[in-house]
N, C-alpha and C. Protein backbone atom coordinates (compact mmCIF):
# COMPACT_ATOMS: atom_id res chain seq x y z
N MET A 1 16.27 10.63 2.66
CA MET A 1 15.18 9.88 3.25
C MET A 1 13.86 10.50 2.86
N SER A 2 12.89 9.67 2.50
CA SER A 2 11.59 10.22 2.10
C SER A 2 10.89 10.80 3.30
N GLY A 3 10.12 11.86 3.08
CA GLY A 3 9.49 12.57 4.17
C GLY A 3 8.55 11.73 4.99
N TRP A 4 7.85 10.78 4.31
CA TRP A 4 6.82 10.05 5.05
C TRP A 4 7.38 9.00 5.98
N THR A 5 8.72 8.78 6.01
CA THR A 5 9.30 7.81 6.93
C THR A 5 10.08 8.44 8.07
N ARG A 6 10.11 9.77 8.17
CA ARG A 6 10.90 10.39 9.24
C ARG A 6 10.44 9.91 10.61
N GLY A 7 9.12 9.91 10.84
CA GLY A 7 8.61 9.45 12.12
C GLY A 7 8.82 7.96 12.31
N ALA A 8 8.82 7.22 11.21
CA ALA A 8 8.99 5.78 11.30
C ALA A 8 10.36 5.41 11.85
N VAL A 9 11.38 6.10 11.39
CA VAL A 9 12.72 5.80 11.86
C VAL A 9 12.85 6.10 13.34
N MET A 10 12.27 7.21 13.77
CA MET A 10 12.33 7.58 15.18
C MET A 10 11.64 6.55 16.04
N ALA A 11 10.57 5.96 15.54
CA ALA A 11 9.81 4.99 16.32
C ALA A 11 10.33 3.58 16.14
N GLY A 12 11.29 3.38 15.25
CA GLY A 12 11.82 2.05 15.02
C GLY A 12 10.89 1.17 14.23
N LEU A 13 9.98 1.76 13.46
CA LEU A 13 8.98 0.97 12.76
C LEU A 13 9.26 0.82 11.28
N ALA A 14 10.30 1.46 10.79
CA ALA A 14 10.64 1.33 9.37
C ALA A 14 12.14 1.35 9.21
N LEU A 15 12.61 0.86 8.07
CA LEU A 15 14.04 0.81 7.82
C LEU A 15 14.53 2.12 7.24
N ALA A 16 15.78 2.44 7.48
CA ALA A 16 16.38 3.61 6.84
C ALA A 16 16.64 3.29 5.38
N VAL A 17 16.67 4.32 4.56
CA VAL A 17 16.94 4.13 3.14
C VAL A 17 18.29 3.44 2.99
N GLY A 18 18.33 2.41 2.16
CA GLY A 18 19.57 1.69 1.90
C GLY A 18 19.83 0.57 2.87
N ALA A 19 18.96 0.36 3.88
CA ALA A 19 19.19 -0.69 4.86
C ALA A 19 18.65 -2.03 4.40
N GLY A 20 18.04 -2.08 3.23
CA GLY A 20 17.61 -3.36 2.70
C GLY A 20 16.13 -3.52 2.53
N ALA A 21 15.32 -2.55 2.92
CA ALA A 21 13.87 -2.68 2.78
C ALA A 21 13.48 -2.73 1.31
N VAL A 22 14.11 -1.93 0.49
CA VAL A 22 13.91 -1.98 -0.95
C VAL A 22 15.27 -2.19 -1.59
N GLN A 23 15.40 -3.23 -2.38
CA GLN A 23 16.68 -3.52 -3.01
C GLN A 23 16.96 -2.53 -4.13
N ALA A 24 18.22 -2.41 -4.49
CA ALA A 24 18.61 -1.48 -5.54
C ALA A 24 17.92 -1.80 -6.86
N ALA A 25 17.53 -3.07 -7.03
CA ALA A 25 16.89 -3.48 -8.28
C ALA A 25 15.38 -3.24 -8.26
N ASP A 26 14.88 -2.62 -7.22
CA ASP A 26 13.45 -2.36 -7.10
C ASP A 26 13.10 -0.92 -7.47
N LEU A 27 11.89 -0.74 -7.99
CA LEU A 27 11.31 0.57 -8.23
C LEU A 27 10.14 0.74 -7.28
N ALA A 28 9.95 1.95 -6.77
CA ALA A 28 8.90 2.17 -5.78
C ALA A 28 8.08 3.40 -6.13
N TRP A 29 6.83 3.38 -5.65
CA TRP A 29 5.90 4.49 -5.83
C TRP A 29 5.16 4.71 -4.52
N ARG A 30 4.85 5.98 -4.23
CA ARG A 30 3.92 6.35 -3.17
C ARG A 30 2.57 6.67 -3.81
N PHE A 31 1.51 6.54 -3.04
CA PHE A 31 0.20 6.90 -3.58
C PHE A 31 -0.73 7.35 -2.47
N GLU A 32 -1.75 8.07 -2.88
CA GLU A 32 -2.79 8.54 -1.96
C GLU A 32 -4.13 8.41 -2.66
N TRP A 33 -5.09 7.89 -1.94
CA TRP A 33 -6.45 7.75 -2.47
C TRP A 33 -7.40 8.55 -1.58
N GLN A 34 -8.19 9.42 -2.20
CA GLN A 34 -9.16 10.21 -1.46
C GLN A 34 -10.55 9.66 -1.71
N GLY A 35 -11.19 9.18 -0.65
CA GLY A 35 -12.56 8.71 -0.75
C GLY A 35 -13.53 9.78 -0.30
N ASN A 36 -14.79 9.43 -0.29
CA ASN A 36 -15.81 10.33 0.23
C ASN A 36 -15.91 10.19 1.75
N GLY A 37 -16.64 11.08 2.36
CA GLY A 37 -16.93 10.99 3.78
C GLY A 37 -15.74 11.20 4.69
N GLY A 38 -14.68 11.85 4.20
CA GLY A 38 -13.51 12.07 5.04
C GLY A 38 -12.56 10.89 5.09
N TYR A 39 -12.78 9.86 4.26
CA TYR A 39 -11.92 8.68 4.24
C TYR A 39 -10.80 8.85 3.22
N GLU A 40 -9.63 8.36 3.56
CA GLU A 40 -8.52 8.38 2.63
C GLU A 40 -7.58 7.22 2.93
N MET A 41 -6.69 6.97 2.00
CA MET A 41 -5.72 5.89 2.13
C MET A 41 -4.40 6.36 1.56
N ARG A 42 -3.31 6.02 2.23
CA ARG A 42 -1.97 6.33 1.75
C ARG A 42 -1.14 5.06 1.79
N GLY A 43 -0.19 4.95 0.88
CA GLY A 43 0.61 3.75 0.88
C GLY A 43 1.76 3.80 -0.11
N ALA A 44 2.35 2.63 -0.34
CA ALA A 44 3.49 2.53 -1.24
C ALA A 44 3.58 1.13 -1.80
N ILE A 45 4.21 1.02 -2.98
CA ILE A 45 4.38 -0.25 -3.67
C ILE A 45 5.77 -0.31 -4.27
N ALA A 46 6.37 -1.49 -4.31
CA ALA A 46 7.66 -1.69 -4.96
C ALA A 46 7.61 -2.93 -5.83
N ILE A 47 8.25 -2.85 -7.00
CA ILE A 47 8.35 -3.98 -7.91
C ILE A 47 9.79 -4.10 -8.39
N ASP A 48 10.14 -5.23 -8.95
CA ASP A 48 11.47 -5.42 -9.53
C ASP A 48 11.63 -4.50 -10.74
N ALA A 49 12.78 -3.87 -10.84
CA ALA A 49 13.04 -2.95 -11.94
C ALA A 49 12.96 -3.63 -13.30
N ALA A 50 13.14 -4.94 -13.34
CA ALA A 50 13.06 -5.68 -14.60
C ALA A 50 11.67 -5.64 -15.20
N LEU A 51 10.67 -5.26 -14.39
CA LEU A 51 9.28 -5.22 -14.87
C LEU A 51 8.86 -3.83 -15.30
N ALA A 52 9.78 -2.89 -15.28
CA ALA A 52 9.43 -1.48 -15.51
C ALA A 52 8.81 -1.22 -16.87
N GLU A 53 9.17 -2.00 -17.88
CA GLU A 53 8.66 -1.76 -19.22
C GLU A 53 7.41 -2.56 -19.56
N ARG A 54 6.90 -3.28 -18.58
CA ARG A 54 5.64 -3.99 -18.80
C ARG A 54 4.48 -3.00 -18.80
N ASP A 55 3.47 -3.30 -19.58
CA ASP A 55 2.27 -2.48 -19.55
C ASP A 55 1.53 -2.66 -18.24
N TYR A 56 1.54 -3.89 -17.72
CA TYR A 56 0.85 -4.20 -16.48
C TYR A 56 1.73 -5.09 -15.61
N VAL A 57 1.64 -4.88 -14.28
CA VAL A 57 2.17 -5.84 -13.32
C VAL A 57 1.04 -6.20 -12.37
N TYR A 58 1.17 -7.38 -11.76
CA TYR A 58 0.07 -7.92 -10.97
C TYR A 58 0.52 -8.27 -9.55
N ALA A 59 -0.42 -8.74 -8.77
CA ALA A 59 -0.16 -9.00 -7.35
C ALA A 59 1.08 -9.87 -7.15
N GLU A 60 1.24 -10.90 -7.99
CA GLU A 60 2.37 -11.82 -7.82
C GLU A 60 3.71 -11.17 -8.14
N ASP A 61 3.69 -10.00 -8.75
CA ASP A 61 4.92 -9.29 -9.10
C ASP A 61 5.38 -8.32 -8.02
N VAL A 62 4.54 -8.07 -7.03
CA VAL A 62 4.82 -7.04 -6.03
C VAL A 62 5.84 -7.52 -5.00
N GLU A 63 6.87 -6.70 -4.76
CA GLU A 63 7.89 -7.02 -3.76
C GLU A 63 7.55 -6.46 -2.38
N CYS A 64 7.04 -5.22 -2.35
CA CYS A 64 6.67 -4.56 -1.09
C CYS A 64 5.36 -3.82 -1.30
N PHE A 65 4.54 -3.80 -0.27
CA PHE A 65 3.25 -3.12 -0.39
C PHE A 65 2.69 -2.84 1.00
N VAL A 66 2.18 -1.62 1.18
CA VAL A 66 1.53 -1.26 2.44
C VAL A 66 0.50 -0.17 2.17
N VAL A 67 -0.62 -0.24 2.88
CA VAL A 67 -1.63 0.82 2.82
C VAL A 67 -2.06 1.15 4.24
N GLU A 68 -2.39 2.42 4.46
CA GLU A 68 -2.83 2.90 5.76
C GLU A 68 -4.09 3.73 5.55
N GLY A 69 -5.14 3.42 6.29
CA GLY A 69 -6.40 4.13 6.16
C GLY A 69 -6.57 5.22 7.20
N TYR A 70 -7.27 6.27 6.80
CA TYR A 70 -7.53 7.40 7.70
C TYR A 70 -8.97 7.87 7.53
N HIS A 71 -9.51 8.40 8.61
CA HIS A 71 -10.80 9.08 8.56
C HIS A 71 -10.66 10.39 9.30
N GLU A 72 -10.89 11.47 8.58
CA GLU A 72 -10.67 12.80 9.14
C GLU A 72 -9.26 12.92 9.71
N ASP A 73 -8.29 12.38 8.98
CA ASP A 73 -6.86 12.43 9.32
C ASP A 73 -6.47 11.58 10.52
N LYS A 74 -7.37 10.76 11.02
CA LYS A 74 -7.06 9.86 12.12
C LYS A 74 -6.92 8.43 11.60
N PRO A 75 -5.84 7.72 11.99
CA PRO A 75 -5.64 6.36 11.49
C PRO A 75 -6.76 5.41 11.91
N ILE A 76 -7.22 4.60 10.97
CA ILE A 76 -8.31 3.66 11.25
C ILE A 76 -7.94 2.21 10.95
N GLY A 77 -6.85 1.98 10.23
CA GLY A 77 -6.46 0.61 9.91
C GLY A 77 -5.34 0.59 8.90
N ARG A 78 -4.74 -0.57 8.74
CA ARG A 78 -3.66 -0.73 7.77
C ARG A 78 -3.60 -2.18 7.31
N TRP A 79 -2.95 -2.37 6.17
CA TRP A 79 -2.68 -3.71 5.67
C TRP A 79 -1.36 -3.70 4.93
N ALA A 80 -0.57 -4.76 5.11
CA ALA A 80 0.72 -4.88 4.46
C ALA A 80 0.86 -6.26 3.86
N LEU A 81 1.73 -6.38 2.87
CA LEU A 81 1.88 -7.63 2.13
C LEU A 81 2.24 -8.80 3.03
N GLY A 82 3.03 -8.54 4.08
CA GLY A 82 3.42 -9.60 4.99
C GLY A 82 2.27 -10.15 5.82
N MET A 83 1.12 -9.49 5.79
CA MET A 83 -0.05 -9.94 6.54
C MET A 83 -0.93 -10.88 5.72
N LYS A 84 -0.58 -11.08 4.45
CA LYS A 84 -1.40 -11.91 3.57
C LYS A 84 -1.38 -13.37 4.01
N THR A 85 -2.54 -14.01 3.97
CA THR A 85 -2.66 -15.44 4.24
C THR A 85 -3.28 -16.11 3.01
N ASP A 86 -3.46 -17.41 3.08
CA ASP A 86 -4.08 -18.13 1.96
C ASP A 86 -5.53 -17.70 1.75
N GLU A 87 -6.15 -17.14 2.77
CA GLU A 87 -7.55 -16.72 2.66
C GLU A 87 -7.72 -15.26 2.27
N THR A 88 -6.64 -14.52 2.19
CA THR A 88 -6.72 -13.09 1.92
C THR A 88 -7.12 -12.81 0.47
N SER A 89 -8.04 -11.90 0.28
CA SER A 89 -8.32 -11.40 -1.06
C SER A 89 -7.16 -10.51 -1.47
N TRP A 90 -6.47 -10.88 -2.54
CA TRP A 90 -5.27 -10.13 -2.93
C TRP A 90 -5.11 -10.18 -4.44
N SER A 91 -5.58 -9.15 -5.10
CA SER A 91 -5.31 -8.97 -6.52
C SER A 91 -4.96 -7.50 -6.73
N LEU A 92 -4.09 -7.25 -7.68
CA LEU A 92 -3.60 -5.90 -7.92
C LEU A 92 -3.19 -5.79 -9.38
N THR A 93 -3.50 -4.65 -9.97
CA THR A 93 -3.09 -4.36 -11.34
C THR A 93 -2.50 -2.95 -11.37
N PHE A 94 -1.20 -2.89 -11.70
CA PHE A 94 -0.49 -1.62 -11.70
C PHE A 94 0.14 -1.41 -13.06
N ARG A 95 0.19 -0.14 -13.50
CA ARG A 95 0.77 0.21 -14.80
C ARG A 95 2.02 1.07 -14.58
N PRO A 96 3.18 0.44 -14.50
CA PRO A 96 4.39 1.19 -14.15
C PRO A 96 4.74 2.30 -15.13
N LYS A 97 4.50 2.09 -16.41
CA LYS A 97 4.84 3.14 -17.38
C LYS A 97 3.87 4.31 -17.31
N GLN A 98 2.70 4.08 -16.73
CA GLN A 98 1.71 5.14 -16.58
C GLN A 98 1.73 5.77 -15.19
N ASP A 99 2.52 5.21 -14.27
CA ASP A 99 2.52 5.67 -12.87
C ASP A 99 1.09 5.69 -12.33
N ALA A 100 0.39 4.58 -12.47
CA ALA A 100 -1.02 4.55 -12.07
C ALA A 100 -1.49 3.12 -11.84
N PHE A 101 -2.47 3.00 -10.96
CA PHE A 101 -3.17 1.73 -10.77
C PHE A 101 -4.29 1.64 -11.80
N GLU A 102 -4.55 0.44 -12.26
CA GLU A 102 -5.67 0.21 -13.15
C GLU A 102 -6.98 0.43 -12.39
N VAL A 103 -7.94 1.05 -13.04
CA VAL A 103 -9.26 1.25 -12.43
C VAL A 103 -10.30 0.47 -13.24
N PHE A 104 -11.53 0.51 -12.79
CA PHE A 104 -12.58 -0.26 -13.43
C PHE A 104 -12.77 0.14 -14.89
N GLY A 105 -12.94 -0.87 -15.72
CA GLY A 105 -13.23 -0.67 -17.13
C GLY A 105 -13.79 -1.96 -17.70
N GLU A 106 -14.14 -1.92 -18.98
CA GLU A 106 -14.76 -3.08 -19.61
C GLU A 106 -13.87 -4.32 -19.53
N GLU A 107 -12.55 -4.13 -19.62
CA GLU A 107 -11.62 -5.26 -19.55
C GLU A 107 -11.04 -5.47 -18.16
N SER A 108 -11.42 -4.63 -17.20
CA SER A 108 -10.90 -4.74 -15.83
C SER A 108 -12.05 -4.60 -14.84
N PRO A 109 -12.87 -5.65 -14.70
CA PRO A 109 -14.04 -5.55 -13.83
C PRO A 109 -13.71 -5.42 -12.34
N MET A 110 -12.58 -5.98 -11.89
CA MET A 110 -12.14 -5.81 -10.50
C MET A 110 -10.62 -5.80 -10.47
N PRO A 111 -10.01 -4.68 -10.83
CA PRO A 111 -8.55 -4.63 -10.94
C PRO A 111 -7.81 -4.61 -9.60
N GLN A 112 -8.49 -4.19 -8.53
CA GLN A 112 -7.83 -4.10 -7.23
C GLN A 112 -8.68 -4.77 -6.16
N ALA A 113 -8.05 -5.63 -5.36
CA ALA A 113 -8.71 -6.25 -4.21
C ALA A 113 -7.64 -6.45 -3.15
N TRP A 114 -7.44 -5.44 -2.33
CA TRP A 114 -6.37 -5.43 -1.35
C TRP A 114 -6.95 -5.77 0.02
N ASN A 115 -6.93 -7.05 0.35
CA ASN A 115 -7.54 -7.54 1.59
C ASN A 115 -9.02 -7.18 1.65
N MET A 116 -9.67 -7.23 0.49
CA MET A 116 -11.10 -6.89 0.43
C MET A 116 -11.72 -7.47 -0.83
N ASN A 117 -12.75 -8.30 -0.67
CA ASN A 117 -13.42 -8.87 -1.82
C ASN A 117 -14.47 -7.90 -2.37
N GLY A 118 -15.21 -8.35 -3.38
CA GLY A 118 -16.19 -7.48 -4.01
C GLY A 118 -17.37 -7.13 -3.13
N PHE A 119 -17.58 -7.91 -2.08
CA PHE A 119 -18.68 -7.61 -1.15
C PHE A 119 -18.21 -6.72 0.00
N GLY A 120 -16.90 -6.58 0.15
CA GLY A 120 -16.36 -5.72 1.20
C GLY A 120 -16.55 -6.25 2.60
N ASN A 121 -16.56 -7.58 2.75
CA ASN A 121 -16.85 -8.14 4.08
C ASN A 121 -15.80 -9.12 4.57
N ASP A 122 -14.60 -9.10 3.98
CA ASP A 122 -13.61 -10.11 4.38
C ASP A 122 -12.26 -9.52 4.78
N CYS A 123 -12.23 -8.26 5.21
CA CYS A 123 -10.94 -7.66 5.60
C CYS A 123 -10.55 -7.99 7.03
N GLY A 124 -11.41 -8.69 7.77
CA GLY A 124 -11.07 -9.11 9.12
C GLY A 124 -11.75 -8.28 10.19
N ARG A 125 -11.91 -8.87 11.35
CA ARG A 125 -12.64 -8.22 12.44
C ARG A 125 -12.00 -6.89 12.84
N GLU A 126 -10.69 -6.83 12.80
CA GLU A 126 -9.99 -5.57 13.08
C GLU A 126 -9.15 -5.17 11.87
N GLY A 127 -9.63 -5.53 10.69
CA GLY A 127 -8.84 -5.35 9.49
C GLY A 127 -9.21 -4.14 8.65
N PHE A 128 -8.44 -3.97 7.59
CA PHE A 128 -8.59 -2.84 6.68
C PHE A 128 -8.32 -3.33 5.27
N GLY A 129 -9.10 -2.85 4.29
CA GLY A 129 -8.88 -3.26 2.92
C GLY A 129 -9.44 -2.25 1.93
N PHE A 130 -9.13 -2.48 0.66
CA PHE A 130 -9.52 -1.58 -0.42
C PHE A 130 -9.87 -2.41 -1.65
N ASN A 131 -10.87 -1.92 -2.41
CA ASN A 131 -11.31 -2.65 -3.59
C ASN A 131 -11.75 -1.69 -4.67
N ILE A 132 -11.49 -2.05 -5.93
CA ILE A 132 -12.09 -1.37 -7.07
C ILE A 132 -12.83 -2.42 -7.87
N GLY A 133 -14.15 -2.27 -7.95
CA GLY A 133 -14.98 -3.17 -8.73
C GLY A 133 -15.89 -2.39 -9.64
N ASN A 134 -16.94 -3.04 -10.10
CA ASN A 134 -17.83 -2.35 -11.05
C ASN A 134 -18.77 -1.36 -10.38
N ALA A 135 -18.90 -1.44 -9.05
CA ALA A 135 -19.82 -0.54 -8.36
C ALA A 135 -19.14 0.71 -7.83
N ALA A 136 -17.89 0.57 -7.35
CA ALA A 136 -17.23 1.71 -6.71
C ALA A 136 -15.78 1.40 -6.40
N GLN A 137 -15.06 2.41 -6.03
CA GLN A 137 -13.78 2.29 -5.32
C GLN A 137 -14.13 2.54 -3.86
N ASP A 138 -13.77 1.63 -2.98
CA ASP A 138 -14.21 1.78 -1.59
C ASP A 138 -13.32 1.01 -0.61
N LEU A 139 -13.62 1.22 0.67
CA LEU A 139 -12.84 0.63 1.74
C LEU A 139 -13.63 -0.41 2.50
N CYS A 140 -12.88 -1.30 3.16
CA CYS A 140 -13.45 -2.25 4.12
C CYS A 140 -12.79 -1.97 5.46
N LEU A 141 -13.56 -1.94 6.51
CA LEU A 141 -13.04 -1.70 7.86
C LEU A 141 -13.74 -2.63 8.84
N ASN A 142 -12.95 -3.36 9.61
CA ASN A 142 -13.50 -4.28 10.61
C ASN A 142 -14.49 -5.27 10.00
N GLY A 143 -14.17 -5.75 8.80
CA GLY A 143 -14.99 -6.76 8.16
C GLY A 143 -16.26 -6.25 7.53
N GLN A 144 -16.39 -4.94 7.37
CA GLN A 144 -17.62 -4.39 6.81
C GLN A 144 -17.29 -3.35 5.73
N LEU A 145 -18.14 -3.32 4.71
CA LEU A 145 -18.00 -2.34 3.64
C LEU A 145 -18.29 -0.94 4.19
N VAL A 146 -17.41 0.01 3.86
CA VAL A 146 -17.61 1.40 4.28
C VAL A 146 -18.24 2.13 3.09
N THR A 147 -19.55 2.13 3.02
CA THR A 147 -20.23 2.72 1.88
C THR A 147 -20.00 4.23 1.79
N ALA A 148 -19.77 4.86 2.94
CA ALA A 148 -19.54 6.31 2.94
C ALA A 148 -18.26 6.69 2.22
N SER A 149 -17.35 5.74 2.04
CA SER A 149 -16.06 6.04 1.40
C SER A 149 -16.13 5.97 -0.12
N GLN A 150 -17.21 5.48 -0.68
CA GLN A 150 -17.26 5.12 -2.10
C GLN A 150 -17.14 6.32 -3.05
N VAL A 151 -16.36 6.07 -4.12
CA VAL A 151 -16.25 7.01 -5.23
C VAL A 151 -16.44 6.22 -6.52
N THR A 152 -16.60 6.92 -7.63
CA THR A 152 -16.86 6.26 -8.90
C THR A 152 -15.75 5.27 -9.26
N PRO A 153 -16.10 4.09 -9.77
CA PRO A 153 -15.10 3.04 -9.98
C PRO A 153 -14.07 3.34 -11.07
N SER A 154 -14.38 4.25 -11.98
CA SER A 154 -13.46 4.54 -13.08
C SER A 154 -12.58 5.76 -12.83
N ARG A 155 -12.64 6.33 -11.63
CA ARG A 155 -11.82 7.50 -11.34
C ARG A 155 -10.34 7.14 -11.38
N PRO A 156 -9.50 7.93 -12.05
CA PRO A 156 -8.06 7.63 -12.12
C PRO A 156 -7.43 7.50 -10.73
N PHE A 157 -6.41 6.64 -10.64
CA PHE A 157 -5.73 6.39 -9.38
C PHE A 157 -4.21 6.45 -9.65
N PRO A 158 -3.64 7.66 -9.65
CA PRO A 158 -2.21 7.83 -9.95
C PRO A 158 -1.32 7.47 -8.77
N ALA A 159 -0.05 7.28 -9.07
CA ALA A 159 0.99 7.05 -8.05
C ALA A 159 2.18 7.93 -8.38
N THR A 160 3.01 8.20 -7.37
CA THR A 160 4.17 9.06 -7.54
C THR A 160 5.45 8.25 -7.37
N ARG A 161 6.29 8.20 -8.39
CA ARG A 161 7.53 7.42 -8.33
C ARG A 161 8.44 7.99 -7.25
N ASP A 162 8.94 7.11 -6.38
CA ASP A 162 9.85 7.52 -5.31
C ASP A 162 10.64 6.30 -4.86
N ASP A 163 11.81 6.10 -5.46
CA ASP A 163 12.62 4.92 -5.15
C ASP A 163 13.30 5.02 -3.79
N ALA A 164 13.16 6.16 -3.11
CA ALA A 164 13.74 6.32 -1.77
C ALA A 164 12.79 5.89 -0.66
N VAL A 165 11.62 5.39 -1.03
CA VAL A 165 10.65 4.97 -0.03
C VAL A 165 11.25 3.91 0.89
N SER A 166 11.04 4.03 2.18
CA SER A 166 11.38 3.00 3.15
C SER A 166 10.09 2.36 3.63
N PHE A 167 10.02 1.04 3.58
CA PHE A 167 8.83 0.32 3.96
C PHE A 167 8.94 -0.24 5.38
N PRO A 168 7.81 -0.36 6.08
CA PRO A 168 7.83 -1.06 7.38
C PRO A 168 8.17 -2.52 7.15
N GLY A 169 8.68 -3.18 8.17
CA GLY A 169 9.19 -4.55 8.03
C GLY A 169 8.19 -5.55 7.52
N ASP A 170 6.89 -5.35 7.78
CA ASP A 170 5.91 -6.34 7.35
C ASP A 170 5.40 -6.08 5.94
N ALA A 171 5.96 -5.10 5.24
CA ALA A 171 5.46 -4.75 3.91
C ALA A 171 6.16 -5.49 2.78
N CYS A 172 7.31 -6.10 3.05
CA CYS A 172 8.12 -6.67 1.98
C CYS A 172 8.23 -8.19 2.08
N LEU A 173 8.34 -8.81 0.92
CA LEU A 173 8.60 -10.24 0.86
C LEU A 173 10.02 -10.52 1.31
N ALA A 174 10.30 -11.76 1.66
CA ALA A 174 11.59 -12.12 2.24
C ALA A 174 12.80 -11.64 1.46
N PRO A 175 12.85 -11.74 0.11
CA PRO A 175 14.05 -11.30 -0.60
C PRO A 175 14.39 -9.83 -0.38
N ALA A 176 13.39 -9.01 -0.14
CA ALA A 176 13.64 -7.58 0.06
C ALA A 176 14.14 -7.28 1.46
N LEU A 177 14.17 -8.30 2.34
CA LEU A 177 14.65 -8.09 3.70
C LEU A 177 16.07 -8.62 3.88
N LEU A 178 16.68 -9.17 2.83
CA LEU A 178 18.03 -9.67 2.93
C LEU A 178 18.98 -8.54 3.28
N GLY A 179 19.99 -8.86 4.08
CA GLY A 179 20.96 -7.84 4.45
C GLY A 179 20.69 -7.26 5.82
N ARG A 180 19.52 -7.57 6.39
CA ARG A 180 19.24 -7.10 7.75
C ARG A 180 19.81 -8.09 8.75
N THR A 181 20.32 -7.60 9.87
CA THR A 181 20.82 -8.46 10.92
C THR A 181 19.68 -8.88 11.82
N ASP A 182 19.91 -9.92 12.61
CA ASP A 182 18.88 -10.39 13.52
C ASP A 182 18.46 -9.30 14.49
N THR A 183 19.42 -8.47 14.91
CA THR A 183 19.08 -7.42 15.87
C THR A 183 18.20 -6.35 15.24
N GLU A 184 18.23 -6.25 13.89
CA GLU A 184 17.38 -5.27 13.23
C GLU A 184 15.95 -5.76 13.10
N MET A 185 15.75 -7.09 13.21
CA MET A 185 14.42 -7.65 13.04
C MET A 185 13.64 -7.56 14.34
N GLN A 186 13.38 -6.36 14.78
CA GLN A 186 12.66 -6.15 16.02
C GLN A 186 11.17 -6.45 15.83
N PRO A 187 10.51 -7.10 16.80
CA PRO A 187 9.09 -7.41 16.65
C PRO A 187 8.23 -6.20 16.35
N GLU A 188 8.57 -5.04 16.94
CA GLU A 188 7.73 -3.87 16.72
C GLU A 188 7.75 -3.40 15.27
N ALA A 189 8.73 -3.86 14.50
CA ALA A 189 8.81 -3.45 13.10
C ALA A 189 7.74 -4.10 12.25
N VAL A 190 7.09 -5.14 12.78
CA VAL A 190 6.09 -5.84 11.99
C VAL A 190 4.73 -5.89 12.68
N MET A 191 4.55 -5.12 13.73
CA MET A 191 3.28 -5.13 14.44
C MET A 191 2.18 -4.54 13.57
N PRO A 192 1.15 -5.32 13.22
CA PRO A 192 0.08 -4.81 12.35
C PRO A 192 -0.62 -3.58 12.91
N ALA A 193 -0.64 -3.42 14.23
CA ALA A 193 -1.39 -2.30 14.82
C ALA A 193 -0.60 -0.99 14.81
N SER A 194 0.65 -1.03 14.38
CA SER A 194 1.48 0.18 14.42
C SER A 194 1.15 1.10 13.25
N PHE A 195 1.07 2.37 13.52
CA PHE A 195 0.78 3.35 12.48
C PHE A 195 1.93 4.32 12.34
N VAL A 196 2.41 4.49 11.12
CA VAL A 196 3.44 5.47 10.79
C VAL A 196 2.82 6.37 9.74
N PRO A 197 2.57 7.63 10.05
CA PRO A 197 1.90 8.50 9.08
C PRO A 197 2.61 8.51 7.73
N VAL A 198 1.87 8.29 6.69
CA VAL A 198 2.41 8.34 5.33
C VAL A 198 2.08 9.71 4.77
N MET A 199 3.10 10.51 4.50
CA MET A 199 2.86 11.86 4.02
C MET A 199 2.28 11.86 2.61
N ARG A 200 1.50 12.86 2.33
CA ARG A 200 0.99 13.04 0.98
C ARG A 200 2.15 13.34 0.04
N PRO A 201 2.01 13.02 -1.26
CA PRO A 201 3.11 13.25 -2.20
C PRO A 201 3.67 14.65 -2.17
N ALA A 202 2.83 15.66 -2.05
CA ALA A 202 3.32 17.04 -2.04
C ALA A 202 4.16 17.32 -0.80
N GLU A 203 3.75 16.74 0.34
CA GLU A 203 4.51 16.95 1.58
C GLU A 203 5.86 16.25 1.50
N ALA A 204 5.87 15.03 0.95
CA ALA A 204 7.12 14.29 0.84
C ALA A 204 8.09 14.99 -0.10
N ALA A 205 7.58 15.58 -1.18
CA ALA A 205 8.44 16.27 -2.14
C ALA A 205 9.07 17.51 -1.52
N ALA A 206 8.40 18.10 -0.53
CA ALA A 206 8.91 19.30 0.12
C ALA A 206 10.13 19.01 0.99
N GLY A 207 10.26 17.73 1.41
CA GLY A 207 11.41 17.34 2.21
C GLY A 207 11.25 17.74 3.65
N PRO A 208 12.29 17.50 4.48
CA PRO A 208 12.21 17.81 5.92
C PRO A 208 12.09 19.32 6.16
């Protein structure tokens, strides 16, 4: 079991490894983003293993996704793929062979928009989001741009491969939830307000 889900299992907010949150045909990565002003973000992404040799994968290719925001190590918000609506800003560019997210460049003016548009004002009244555009990499909190979090838009954004990641119930699309029984589909597993600390890659690698 990955280190960052130990507390999740105890709280009933995430699935155990092998229980169906990530299918055997999926590849997963953990990641951590450090912003300015004490802001940071931790999360995970999963894609179908058939896409592993692509140079790029995009939002429509993502099977599971979740991000959790922190300020001075205190949780401030989260967003998961199951929370997406028709109005949600949702674009993503990931490079599986590079173990990294695409960042701003001449051919990628806005490679990431995770529940956050280029103005940083559409993540929701109690929402959380992340964006990489031509001005910065930054966060949105409660519908407002967090300028204190901004870092240079071209800064590398690596991810750490970890196929043992267990995702919270609201992070995965329906196919990745097959195999769960009705009794496993507890409402608390998908509550947007629930926070399960996501360990940093070094902590997760250290194990329990």
